[in-house]
Amino acid sequence: MGIDESMNPGWSAEVERILQELIEAGGLQAGQLLVVGASTSEVLGERIGTAGALQVAESIFAGVEAVRARIPFVPVYQCCEHLNRALVIERNAAESYGLEPVHAVPVAKAGGSMAAYAYSQFTAPCLVEAVRAHAGIDIGDTFIGMHLRHVAVPVRPTIRFIGAAHVTMAYTRPKLIGGERAQYRMPEQRLTERQSAHHCE
């Protein structure tokens, strides 16, 4: 069944646009994890968990896939609280990241429409309890932060709402360690004996 265009005023294109902004801001690479949290109820202007719609999920999924066709990241879709915010992921990706599957099949009333739709579209889907994703997008304030790596860097999208749902997103970076003597880029030339005279340990 196709999407009812009255329920989809350009949402796929909007998701594609802001997700591309996130990819570019964070420099996301092929094979890295991107967590998607989405409340289709919030997109429709209803309270989260009350009016889920697979047609809205289809639209969001299409926007994600349009970007993934250009940059083959690994999408991971967050379930709702009734499945403890477990995540839908392709089984081969779960195995490559050493993630242990848990057993449930997300449906609209227990998992959420977004996760249920993604599960139906994946080749060999499974659920995992948690990931440490390299980036994430949250449509409808579903709180994806529990599945992001440290340190999260917010990205302000040019489109702040998909339908009526508030959008936030972030990429992650490695922790910067050390004090005033710490360096974060490889020196352009090797240290000479004199330059390395003031060394640690």
N, C-alpha and C. Protein backbone atom coordinates (compact mmCIF):
# COMPACT_ATOMS: atom_id res chain seq x y z
N MET A 1 0.85 -1.20 0.00
CA MET A 1 0.00 0.00 0.00
C MET A 1 0.88 1.24 0.00
N GLY A 2 0.60 2.20 -0.88
CA GLY A 2 1.39 3.43 -0.94
C GLY A 2 1.04 4.38 0.19
N ILE A 3 1.89 5.37 0.35
CA ILE A 3 1.66 6.37 1.38
C ILE A 3 0.55 7.31 0.96
N ASP A 4 -0.34 7.60 1.88
CA ASP A 4 -1.38 8.60 1.66
C ASP A 4 -0.71 9.96 1.67
N GLU A 5 -0.67 10.62 0.52
CA GLU A 5 0.05 11.89 0.43
C GLU A 5 -0.51 12.96 1.36
N SER A 6 -1.76 12.84 1.77
CA SER A 6 -2.31 13.80 2.71
C SER A 6 -1.66 13.67 4.08
N MET A 7 -1.05 12.49 4.34
CA MET A 7 -0.33 12.27 5.60
C MET A 7 1.16 12.50 5.44
N ASN A 8 1.61 12.83 4.25
CA ASN A 8 3.04 12.87 3.98
C ASN A 8 3.42 14.10 3.16
N PRO A 9 3.27 15.28 3.74
CA PRO A 9 3.60 16.50 3.01
C PRO A 9 5.11 16.74 2.94
N GLY A 10 5.80 15.89 2.21
CA GLY A 10 7.24 16.07 2.02
C GLY A 10 8.10 15.56 3.15
N TRP A 11 7.59 14.69 4.02
CA TRP A 11 8.37 14.25 5.16
C TRP A 11 9.60 13.44 4.76
N SER A 12 9.47 12.60 3.75
CA SER A 12 10.63 11.82 3.30
C SER A 12 11.77 12.73 2.88
N ALA A 13 11.46 13.74 2.10
CA ALA A 13 12.48 14.68 1.64
C ALA A 13 13.07 15.47 2.80
N GLU A 14 12.24 15.81 3.78
CA GLU A 14 12.75 16.56 4.93
C GLU A 14 13.69 15.71 5.78
N VAL A 15 13.31 14.46 5.99
CA VAL A 15 14.19 13.55 6.73
C VAL A 15 15.50 13.37 5.98
N GLU A 16 15.42 13.18 4.68
CA GLU A 16 16.63 13.03 3.87
C GLU A 16 17.53 14.25 4.01
N ARG A 17 16.95 15.42 3.95
CA ARG A 17 17.75 16.65 4.02
C ARG A 17 18.48 16.79 5.35
N ILE A 18 17.76 16.63 6.46
CA ILE A 18 18.42 16.87 7.75
C ILE A 18 19.36 15.73 8.12
N LEU A 19 19.06 14.52 7.66
CA LEU A 19 19.98 13.43 7.92
C LEU A 19 21.28 13.63 7.15
N GLN A 20 21.19 14.15 5.95
CA GLN A 20 22.40 14.48 5.19
C GLN A 20 23.22 15.54 5.93
N GLU A 21 22.54 16.50 6.54
CA GLU A 21 23.24 17.51 7.33
C GLU A 21 24.00 16.87 8.49
N LEU A 22 23.37 15.91 9.15
CA LEU A 22 24.01 15.22 10.26
C LEU A 22 25.23 14.43 9.78
N ILE A 23 25.08 13.70 8.69
CA ILE A 23 26.17 12.91 8.14
C ILE A 23 27.38 13.80 7.84
N GLU A 24 27.12 14.94 7.22
CA GLU A 24 28.21 15.84 6.84
C GLU A 24 28.84 16.48 8.06
N ALA A 25 28.04 16.87 9.04
CA ALA A 25 28.58 17.50 10.24
C ALA A 25 29.46 16.55 11.03
N GLY A 26 29.03 15.28 11.12
CA GLY A 26 29.76 14.31 11.92
C GLY A 26 30.77 13.50 11.15
N GLY A 27 30.80 13.64 9.83
CA GLY A 27 31.72 12.85 9.03
C GLY A 27 31.48 11.36 9.16
N LEU A 28 30.22 10.97 9.21
CA LEU A 28 29.88 9.56 9.40
C LEU A 28 30.40 8.73 8.23
N GLN A 29 30.98 7.57 8.56
CA GLN A 29 31.59 6.71 7.57
C GLN A 29 30.74 5.47 7.30
N ALA A 30 31.00 4.83 6.18
CA ALA A 30 30.33 3.58 5.84
C ALA A 30 30.54 2.57 6.96
N GLY A 31 29.47 1.87 7.31
CA GLY A 31 29.56 0.84 8.33
C GLY A 31 29.37 1.33 9.75
N GLN A 32 29.33 2.64 9.97
CA GLN A 32 29.12 3.15 11.32
C GLN A 32 27.63 3.16 11.66
N LEU A 33 27.34 3.15 12.95
CA LEU A 33 25.96 3.03 13.44
C LEU A 33 25.29 4.39 13.57
N LEU A 34 24.06 4.47 13.09
CA LEU A 34 23.25 5.67 13.26
C LEU A 34 21.90 5.24 13.84
N VAL A 35 21.60 5.70 15.04
CA VAL A 35 20.36 5.31 15.70
C VAL A 35 19.25 6.29 15.32
N VAL A 36 18.09 5.74 15.02
CA VAL A 36 16.91 6.54 14.65
C VAL A 36 15.83 6.29 15.69
N GLY A 37 15.41 7.34 16.35
CA GLY A 37 14.26 7.29 17.23
C GLY A 37 13.16 8.13 16.62
N ALA A 38 11.97 7.60 16.51
CA ALA A 38 10.89 8.36 15.88
C ALA A 38 9.55 7.97 16.46
N SER A 39 8.80 8.99 16.86
CA SER A 39 7.41 8.79 17.28
C SER A 39 6.50 9.23 16.15
N THR A 40 5.87 8.27 15.51
CA THR A 40 4.94 8.63 14.44
C THR A 40 3.72 9.36 14.99
N SER A 41 3.38 9.09 16.23
CA SER A 41 2.27 9.83 16.87
C SER A 41 2.59 11.31 16.94
N GLU A 42 3.81 11.63 17.38
CA GLU A 42 4.22 13.03 17.50
C GLU A 42 4.25 13.72 16.14
N VAL A 43 4.67 13.00 15.11
CA VAL A 43 4.66 13.56 13.76
C VAL A 43 3.24 14.00 13.38
N LEU A 44 2.26 13.21 13.80
CA LEU A 44 0.87 13.51 13.49
C LEU A 44 0.24 14.51 14.46
N GLY A 45 1.02 15.01 15.40
CA GLY A 45 0.51 16.00 16.33
C GLY A 45 -0.18 15.41 17.54
N GLU A 46 0.03 14.11 17.78
CA GLU A 46 -0.57 13.44 18.93
C GLU A 46 0.51 13.13 19.97
N ARG A 47 0.07 12.79 21.17
CA ARG A 47 1.01 12.45 22.23
C ARG A 47 1.72 11.14 21.90
N ILE A 48 3.01 11.09 22.20
CA ILE A 48 3.82 9.92 21.90
C ILE A 48 3.16 8.65 22.41
N GLY A 49 3.12 7.63 21.57
CA GLY A 49 2.57 6.34 21.96
C GLY A 49 1.07 6.19 21.84
N THR A 50 0.40 7.19 21.27
CA THR A 50 -1.07 7.13 21.26
C THR A 50 -1.69 6.98 19.87
N ALA A 51 -0.95 7.31 18.82
CA ALA A 51 -1.57 7.32 17.49
C ALA A 51 -0.58 6.92 16.41
N GLY A 52 0.17 5.86 16.67
CA GLY A 52 1.19 5.42 15.73
C GLY A 52 0.62 5.12 14.36
N ALA A 53 1.43 5.36 13.33
CA ALA A 53 0.97 5.16 11.96
C ALA A 53 2.10 4.58 11.12
N LEU A 54 1.87 3.40 10.55
CA LEU A 54 2.89 2.77 9.72
C LEU A 54 3.17 3.58 8.46
N GLN A 55 2.18 4.32 7.98
CA GLN A 55 2.41 5.15 6.79
C GLN A 55 3.42 6.25 7.08
N VAL A 56 3.38 6.81 8.28
CA VAL A 56 4.37 7.82 8.66
C VAL A 56 5.74 7.17 8.78
N ALA A 57 5.79 5.99 9.39
CA ALA A 57 7.05 5.26 9.52
C ALA A 57 7.65 4.97 8.14
N GLU A 58 6.80 4.60 7.20
CA GLU A 58 7.25 4.33 5.83
C GLU A 58 7.92 5.56 5.23
N SER A 59 7.34 6.71 5.47
CA SER A 59 7.89 7.95 4.94
C SER A 59 9.26 8.26 5.55
N ILE A 60 9.38 8.11 6.86
CA ILE A 60 10.65 8.36 7.55
C ILE A 60 11.70 7.37 7.07
N PHE A 61 11.32 6.10 6.97
CA PHE A 61 12.24 5.05 6.52
C PHE A 61 12.77 5.37 5.13
N ALA A 62 11.90 5.84 4.25
CA ALA A 62 12.31 6.17 2.89
C ALA A 62 13.34 7.29 2.88
N GLY A 63 13.17 8.28 3.75
CA GLY A 63 14.14 9.37 3.84
C GLY A 63 15.50 8.88 4.31
N VAL A 64 15.50 7.98 5.30
CA VAL A 64 16.76 7.41 5.79
C VAL A 64 17.44 6.61 4.69
N GLU A 65 16.67 5.79 3.98
CA GLU A 65 17.24 4.95 2.94
C GLU A 65 17.81 5.77 1.78
N ALA A 66 17.21 6.92 1.50
CA ALA A 66 17.72 7.77 0.42
C ALA A 66 19.14 8.24 0.73
N VAL A 67 19.40 8.57 2.00
CA VAL A 67 20.74 8.98 2.39
C VAL A 67 21.67 7.77 2.43
N ARG A 68 21.18 6.66 2.94
CA ARG A 68 22.02 5.47 3.06
C ARG A 68 22.45 4.93 1.70
N ALA A 69 21.70 5.24 0.66
CA ALA A 69 22.11 4.84 -0.68
C ALA A 69 23.40 5.54 -1.10
N ARG A 70 23.66 6.71 -0.50
CA ARG A 70 24.87 7.46 -0.82
C ARG A 70 26.00 7.18 0.16
N ILE A 71 25.68 7.06 1.44
CA ILE A 71 26.65 6.76 2.48
C ILE A 71 26.14 5.53 3.23
N PRO A 72 26.72 4.36 3.01
CA PRO A 72 26.15 3.13 3.56
C PRO A 72 26.44 2.93 5.05
N PHE A 73 25.88 3.80 5.88
CA PHE A 73 25.93 3.63 7.33
C PHE A 73 24.98 2.51 7.73
N VAL A 74 25.01 2.13 9.00
CA VAL A 74 24.13 1.07 9.51
C VAL A 74 23.01 1.71 10.32
N PRO A 75 21.78 1.70 9.82
CA PRO A 75 20.66 2.27 10.58
C PRO A 75 20.20 1.32 11.68
N VAL A 76 19.90 1.89 12.84
CA VAL A 76 19.44 1.12 13.99
C VAL A 76 18.20 1.85 14.52
N TYR A 77 17.06 1.18 14.56
CA TYR A 77 15.81 1.84 14.91
C TYR A 77 15.40 1.49 16.34
N GLN A 78 15.19 2.54 17.15
CA GLN A 78 14.86 2.35 18.56
C GLN A 78 13.38 2.01 18.75
N CYS A 79 13.13 0.98 19.54
CA CYS A 79 11.77 0.63 19.92
C CYS A 79 11.27 1.54 21.05
N CYS A 80 10.00 1.44 21.35
CA CYS A 80 9.42 2.24 22.43
C CYS A 80 9.72 1.60 23.78
N GLU A 81 9.25 2.24 24.83
CA GLU A 81 9.55 1.80 26.19
C GLU A 81 9.01 0.41 26.51
N HIS A 82 7.96 -0.02 25.81
CA HIS A 82 7.38 -1.33 26.09
C HIS A 82 8.32 -2.48 25.75
N LEU A 83 9.31 -2.21 24.90
CA LEU A 83 10.38 -3.17 24.64
C LEU A 83 11.71 -2.65 25.18
N ASN A 84 11.60 -1.80 26.23
CA ASN A 84 12.79 -1.28 26.92
C ASN A 84 13.76 -0.54 26.00
N ARG A 85 13.21 0.07 24.96
CA ARG A 85 14.01 0.83 24.00
C ARG A 85 15.11 -0.01 23.36
N ALA A 86 14.80 -1.29 23.16
CA ALA A 86 15.68 -2.14 22.36
C ALA A 86 15.73 -1.60 20.93
N LEU A 87 16.60 -2.18 20.12
CA LEU A 87 16.82 -1.62 18.79
C LEU A 87 16.74 -2.68 17.70
N VAL A 88 16.18 -2.28 16.57
CA VAL A 88 16.11 -3.14 15.39
C VAL A 88 17.37 -2.91 14.55
N ILE A 89 18.04 -4.00 14.22
CA ILE A 89 19.28 -3.93 13.46
C ILE A 89 19.36 -5.16 12.57
N GLU A 90 20.05 -5.06 11.45
CA GLU A 90 20.29 -6.25 10.63
C GLU A 90 21.20 -7.21 11.40
N ARG A 91 20.90 -8.50 11.32
CA ARG A 91 21.63 -9.49 12.11
C ARG A 91 23.13 -9.50 11.79
N ASN A 92 23.49 -9.33 10.52
CA ASN A 92 24.92 -9.36 10.19
C ASN A 92 25.65 -8.17 10.80
N ALA A 93 24.98 -7.01 10.90
CA ALA A 93 25.58 -5.85 11.55
C ALA A 93 25.73 -6.09 13.05
N ALA A 94 24.72 -6.70 13.67
CA ALA A 94 24.80 -7.02 15.09
C ALA A 94 25.98 -7.94 15.35
N GLU A 95 26.16 -8.93 14.50
CA GLU A 95 27.27 -9.86 14.67
C GLU A 95 28.61 -9.17 14.50
N SER A 96 28.71 -8.27 13.52
CA SER A 96 29.99 -7.60 13.28
C SER A 96 30.36 -6.67 14.42
N TYR A 97 29.38 -6.16 15.15
CA TYR A 97 29.65 -5.30 16.31
C TYR A 97 29.64 -6.09 17.62
N GLY A 98 29.50 -7.39 17.55
CA GLY A 98 29.52 -8.21 18.76
C GLY A 98 28.34 -7.98 19.67
N LEU A 99 27.17 -7.70 19.08
CA LEU A 99 25.97 -7.43 19.86
C LEU A 99 25.15 -8.71 20.02
N GLU A 100 24.66 -8.95 21.22
CA GLU A 100 23.88 -10.15 21.50
C GLU A 100 22.40 -9.90 21.23
N PRO A 101 21.79 -10.68 20.35
CA PRO A 101 20.36 -10.48 20.06
C PRO A 101 19.49 -10.84 21.26
N VAL A 102 18.36 -10.17 21.36
CA VAL A 102 17.30 -10.53 22.30
C VAL A 102 16.07 -10.85 21.46
N HIS A 103 15.10 -11.52 22.06
CA HIS A 103 14.00 -12.02 21.25
C HIS A 103 12.70 -11.27 21.52
N ALA A 104 12.23 -10.64 20.47
CA ALA A 104 10.89 -10.05 20.42
C ALA A 104 10.68 -9.60 18.99
N VAL A 105 9.45 -9.46 18.60
CA VAL A 105 9.12 -8.90 17.29
C VAL A 105 8.34 -7.62 17.54
N PRO A 106 8.89 -6.47 17.20
CA PRO A 106 8.18 -5.22 17.48
C PRO A 106 6.91 -5.09 16.64
N VAL A 107 5.86 -4.66 17.29
CA VAL A 107 4.60 -4.35 16.62
C VAL A 107 4.19 -2.94 17.05
N ALA A 108 3.18 -2.41 16.42
CA ALA A 108 2.80 -1.01 16.67
C ALA A 108 2.54 -0.73 18.14
N LYS A 109 1.89 -1.67 18.84
CA LYS A 109 1.51 -1.43 20.24
C LYS A 109 2.58 -1.85 21.23
N ALA A 110 3.62 -2.53 20.78
CA ALA A 110 4.71 -2.95 21.67
C ALA A 110 6.00 -2.95 20.87
N GLY A 111 6.59 -1.78 20.81
CA GLY A 111 7.77 -1.56 19.99
C GLY A 111 7.67 -0.27 19.22
N GLY A 112 6.45 0.02 18.76
CA GLY A 112 6.22 1.27 18.05
C GLY A 112 6.18 1.07 16.55
N SER A 113 5.45 1.94 15.88
CA SER A 113 5.27 1.83 14.44
C SER A 113 6.58 1.94 13.67
N MET A 114 7.48 2.81 14.13
CA MET A 114 8.74 2.99 13.41
C MET A 114 9.57 1.72 13.45
N ALA A 115 9.74 1.16 14.64
CA ALA A 115 10.52 -0.07 14.78
C ALA A 115 9.85 -1.23 14.06
N ALA A 116 8.52 -1.31 14.16
CA ALA A 116 7.79 -2.39 13.50
C ALA A 116 7.96 -2.33 11.98
N TYR A 117 7.89 -1.11 11.44
CA TYR A 117 8.05 -0.98 10.00
C TYR A 117 9.47 -1.34 9.57
N ALA A 118 10.47 -0.84 10.29
CA ALA A 118 11.86 -1.16 9.96
C ALA A 118 12.09 -2.67 10.01
N TYR A 119 11.54 -3.32 11.03
CA TYR A 119 11.70 -4.77 11.18
C TYR A 119 11.13 -5.48 9.96
N SER A 120 10.03 -4.98 9.43
CA SER A 120 9.39 -5.62 8.27
C SER A 120 10.18 -5.39 6.98
N GLN A 121 11.04 -4.38 6.96
CA GLN A 121 11.77 -4.04 5.75
C GLN A 121 13.18 -4.60 5.71
N PHE A 122 13.76 -4.90 6.86
CA PHE A 122 15.13 -5.41 6.89
C PHE A 122 15.19 -6.82 6.32
N THR A 123 16.36 -7.18 5.84
CA THR A 123 16.56 -8.51 5.24
C THR A 123 16.53 -9.61 6.29
N ALA A 124 17.30 -9.42 7.36
CA ALA A 124 17.37 -10.41 8.45
C ALA A 124 17.42 -9.64 9.76
N PRO A 125 16.29 -9.12 10.22
CA PRO A 125 16.28 -8.25 11.39
C PRO A 125 16.42 -9.02 12.69
N CYS A 126 16.95 -8.34 13.68
CA CYS A 126 16.92 -8.85 15.05
C CYS A 126 16.87 -7.65 15.98
N LEU A 127 16.65 -7.90 17.25
CA LEU A 127 16.68 -6.86 18.27
C LEU A 127 17.92 -7.03 19.13
N VAL A 128 18.49 -5.90 19.54
CA VAL A 128 19.55 -5.89 20.54
C VAL A 128 19.15 -4.91 21.64
N GLU A 129 19.68 -5.13 22.84
CA GLU A 129 19.28 -4.29 23.97
C GLU A 129 19.85 -2.89 23.91
N ALA A 130 21.06 -2.76 23.38
CA ALA A 130 21.73 -1.45 23.40
C ALA A 130 22.81 -1.42 22.34
N VAL A 131 23.11 -0.21 21.87
CA VAL A 131 24.25 0.02 20.99
C VAL A 131 24.98 1.25 21.48
N ARG A 132 26.16 1.47 20.93
CA ARG A 132 26.89 2.71 21.16
C ARG A 132 27.09 3.34 19.78
N ALA A 133 26.08 4.08 19.35
CA ALA A 133 26.04 4.58 17.97
C ALA A 133 26.95 5.78 17.79
N HIS A 134 27.39 5.95 16.55
CA HIS A 134 28.26 7.07 16.20
C HIS A 134 27.48 8.36 15.99
N ALA A 135 26.19 8.24 15.74
CA ALA A 135 25.34 9.42 15.52
C ALA A 135 23.90 9.00 15.71
N GLY A 136 23.01 9.99 15.78
CA GLY A 136 21.61 9.66 15.94
C GLY A 136 20.70 10.82 15.61
N ILE A 137 19.48 10.47 15.23
CA ILE A 137 18.43 11.46 14.98
C ILE A 137 17.20 11.06 15.77
N ASP A 138 16.57 12.05 16.38
CA ASP A 138 15.43 11.82 17.26
C ASP A 138 14.26 12.68 16.78
N ILE A 139 13.23 12.02 16.28
CA ILE A 139 12.05 12.71 15.75
C ILE A 139 10.91 12.49 16.73
N GLY A 140 10.61 13.50 17.52
CA GLY A 140 9.53 13.39 18.49
C GLY A 140 9.96 13.19 19.92
N ASP A 141 11.22 13.53 20.23
CA ASP A 141 11.72 13.49 21.62
C ASP A 141 11.56 12.10 22.24
N THR A 142 12.08 11.10 21.57
CA THR A 142 12.02 9.72 22.07
C THR A 142 13.21 9.36 22.95
N PHE A 143 14.19 10.25 23.05
CA PHE A 143 15.36 10.09 23.92
C PHE A 143 16.26 8.93 23.50
N ILE A 144 17.08 9.22 22.50
CA ILE A 144 18.03 8.23 21.97
C ILE A 144 19.38 8.29 22.65
N GLY A 145 19.57 9.25 23.56
CA GLY A 145 20.89 9.47 24.15
C GLY A 145 21.49 8.25 24.81
N MET A 146 20.65 7.35 25.34
CA MET A 146 21.14 6.14 26.00
C MET A 146 21.86 5.21 25.03
N HIS A 147 21.71 5.45 23.72
CA HIS A 147 22.33 4.59 22.72
C HIS A 147 23.44 5.29 21.93
N LEU A 148 23.89 6.45 22.40
CA LEU A 148 24.97 7.16 21.72
C LEU A 148 26.29 6.98 22.46
N ARG A 149 27.38 6.99 21.71
CA ARG A 149 28.71 6.96 22.31
C ARG A 149 28.98 8.30 23.00
N HIS A 150 29.95 8.28 23.88
CA HIS A 150 30.49 9.54 24.40
C HIS A 150 31.54 10.03 23.39
N VAL A 151 31.58 11.28 23.04
CA VAL A 151 30.87 12.42 23.58
C VAL A 151 29.90 12.91 22.50
N ALA A 152 28.63 13.17 22.87
CA ALA A 152 27.64 13.62 21.89
C ALA A 152 27.82 15.10 21.57
N VAL A 153 27.75 15.43 20.29
CA VAL A 153 27.86 16.80 19.81
C VAL A 153 26.56 17.16 19.09
N PRO A 154 25.73 18.05 19.65
CA PRO A 154 24.46 18.38 19.01
C PRO A 154 24.65 19.04 17.65
N VAL A 155 23.75 18.73 16.74
CA VAL A 155 23.70 19.37 15.43
C VAL A 155 22.32 19.98 15.29
N ARG A 156 22.27 21.26 14.96
CA ARG A 156 20.99 21.95 14.81
C ARG A 156 20.50 21.80 13.37
N PRO A 157 19.43 21.07 13.14
CA PRO A 157 18.95 20.88 11.77
C PRO A 157 18.32 22.15 11.22
N THR A 158 18.37 22.29 9.92
CA THR A 158 17.71 23.45 9.30
C THR A 158 16.20 23.30 9.33
N ILE A 159 15.72 22.07 9.46
CA ILE A 159 14.29 21.80 9.65
C ILE A 159 14.13 21.28 11.06
N ARG A 160 13.45 22.02 11.91
CA ARG A 160 13.35 21.67 13.33
C ARG A 160 12.18 20.75 13.66
N PHE A 161 11.25 20.58 12.72
CA PHE A 161 10.08 19.73 12.97
C PHE A 161 9.80 18.88 11.75
N ILE A 162 9.50 17.60 11.96
CA ILE A 162 8.94 16.73 10.93
C ILE A 162 7.47 16.57 11.31
N GLY A 163 6.59 17.10 10.50
CA GLY A 163 5.20 17.21 10.92
C GLY A 163 5.15 18.07 12.17
N ALA A 164 4.55 17.54 13.23
CA ALA A 164 4.50 18.27 14.50
C ALA A 164 5.57 17.80 15.47
N ALA A 165 6.46 16.89 15.04
CA ALA A 165 7.45 16.29 15.94
C ALA A 165 8.74 17.10 15.96
N HIS A 166 9.17 17.45 17.16
CA HIS A 166 10.43 18.15 17.36
C HIS A 166 11.60 17.24 17.00
N VAL A 167 12.60 17.80 16.32
CA VAL A 167 13.76 17.02 15.87
C VAL A 167 15.02 17.47 16.58
N THR A 168 15.76 16.51 17.11
CA THR A 168 17.12 16.76 17.60
C THR A 168 18.03 15.71 16.97
N MET A 169 19.31 16.05 16.89
CA MET A 169 20.25 15.08 16.36
C MET A 169 21.65 15.40 16.85
N ALA A 170 22.52 14.39 16.79
CA ALA A 170 23.87 14.56 17.31
C ALA A 170 24.79 13.54 16.66
N TYR A 171 26.06 13.90 16.55
CA TYR A 171 27.10 12.92 16.23
C TYR A 171 27.98 12.80 17.47
N THR A 172 28.89 11.86 17.48
CA THR A 172 29.74 11.67 18.63
C THR A 172 31.20 11.79 18.23
N ARG A 173 32.03 12.10 19.19
CA ARG A 173 33.48 12.19 18.96
C ARG A 173 34.19 11.50 20.11
N PRO A 174 35.46 11.08 19.89
CA PRO A 174 36.22 10.50 20.98
C PRO A 174 36.45 11.51 22.09
N LYS A 175 36.60 11.04 23.32
CA LYS A 175 36.93 11.91 24.43
C LYS A 175 38.32 12.51 24.22
N LEU A 176 38.46 13.79 24.51
CA LEU A 176 39.76 14.44 24.48
C LEU A 176 40.38 14.30 25.87
N ILE A 177 41.54 13.66 25.97
CA ILE A 177 42.16 13.45 27.27
C ILE A 177 43.46 14.23 27.37
N GLY A 178 43.91 14.47 28.58
CA GLY A 178 45.17 15.16 28.79
C GLY A 178 44.96 16.60 29.20
N GLY A 179 46.04 17.26 29.52
CA GLY A 179 46.00 18.65 29.95
C GLY A 179 46.58 19.58 28.91
N GLU A 180 47.26 20.62 29.37
CA GLU A 180 47.72 21.65 28.46
C GLU A 180 48.81 21.16 27.51
N ARG A 181 49.49 20.06 27.85
CA ARG A 181 50.55 19.55 26.99
C ARG A 181 50.03 18.53 25.98
N ALA A 182 48.77 18.16 26.08
CA ALA A 182 48.22 17.15 25.18
C ALA A 182 48.10 17.69 23.76
N GLN A 183 48.35 16.80 22.80
CA GLN A 183 48.20 17.13 21.40
C GLN A 183 47.11 16.25 20.80
N TYR A 184 46.39 16.78 19.84
CA TYR A 184 45.29 16.03 19.24
C TYR A 184 45.47 15.81 17.74
N ARG A 185 46.62 16.25 17.20
CA ARG A 185 46.95 15.99 15.82
C ARG A 185 48.38 15.47 15.74
N MET A 186 48.63 14.59 14.77
CA MET A 186 49.96 14.07 14.56
C MET A 186 50.88 15.21 14.14
N PRO A 187 52.08 15.36 14.78
CA PRO A 187 53.02 16.41 14.37
C PRO A 187 53.38 16.28 12.90
N GLU A 188 53.63 17.40 12.26
CA GLU A 188 53.96 17.38 10.83
C GLU A 188 55.30 16.73 10.57
N GLN A 189 56.21 16.80 11.53
CA GLN A 189 57.51 16.16 11.38
C GLN A 189 57.85 15.44 12.66
N ARG A 190 58.72 14.44 12.56
CA ARG A 190 59.10 13.68 13.74
C ARG A 190 59.86 14.56 14.72
N LEU A 191 59.68 14.27 16.00
CA LEU A 191 60.39 15.01 17.01
C LEU A 191 61.88 14.77 16.90
N THR A 192 62.64 15.86 17.03
CA THR A 192 64.10 15.70 17.10
C THR A 192 64.47 15.38 18.54
N GLU A 193 65.68 14.96 18.73
CA GLU A 193 66.15 14.62 20.09
C GLU A 193 66.00 15.82 21.01
N ARG A 194 66.30 17.01 20.49
CA ARG A 194 66.23 18.21 21.31
C ARG A 194 64.78 18.52 21.66
N GLN A 195 63.87 18.36 20.68
CA GLN A 195 62.46 18.66 20.91
C GLN A 195 61.85 17.73 21.93
N SER A 196 62.36 16.51 22.02
CA SER A 196 61.79 15.54 22.91
C SER A 196 62.47 15.50 24.28
N ALA A 197 63.31 16.48 24.55
CA ALA A 197 64.05 16.49 25.81
C ALA A 197 63.12 16.59 27.01
N HIS A 198 62.05 17.35 26.87
CA HIS A 198 61.08 17.49 27.97
C HIS A 198 59.96 16.47 27.76
N HIS A 199 60.25 15.26 28.18
CA HIS A 199 59.31 14.17 27.91
C HIS A 199 58.67 13.70 29.23
N CYS A 200 57.63 12.91 29.09
CA CYS A 200 56.94 12.32 30.23
C CYS A 200 57.51 10.94 30.49
N GLU A 201 57.56 10.55 31.74
CA GLU A 201 57.96 9.22 32.17
C GLU A 201 59.29 8.81 31.58
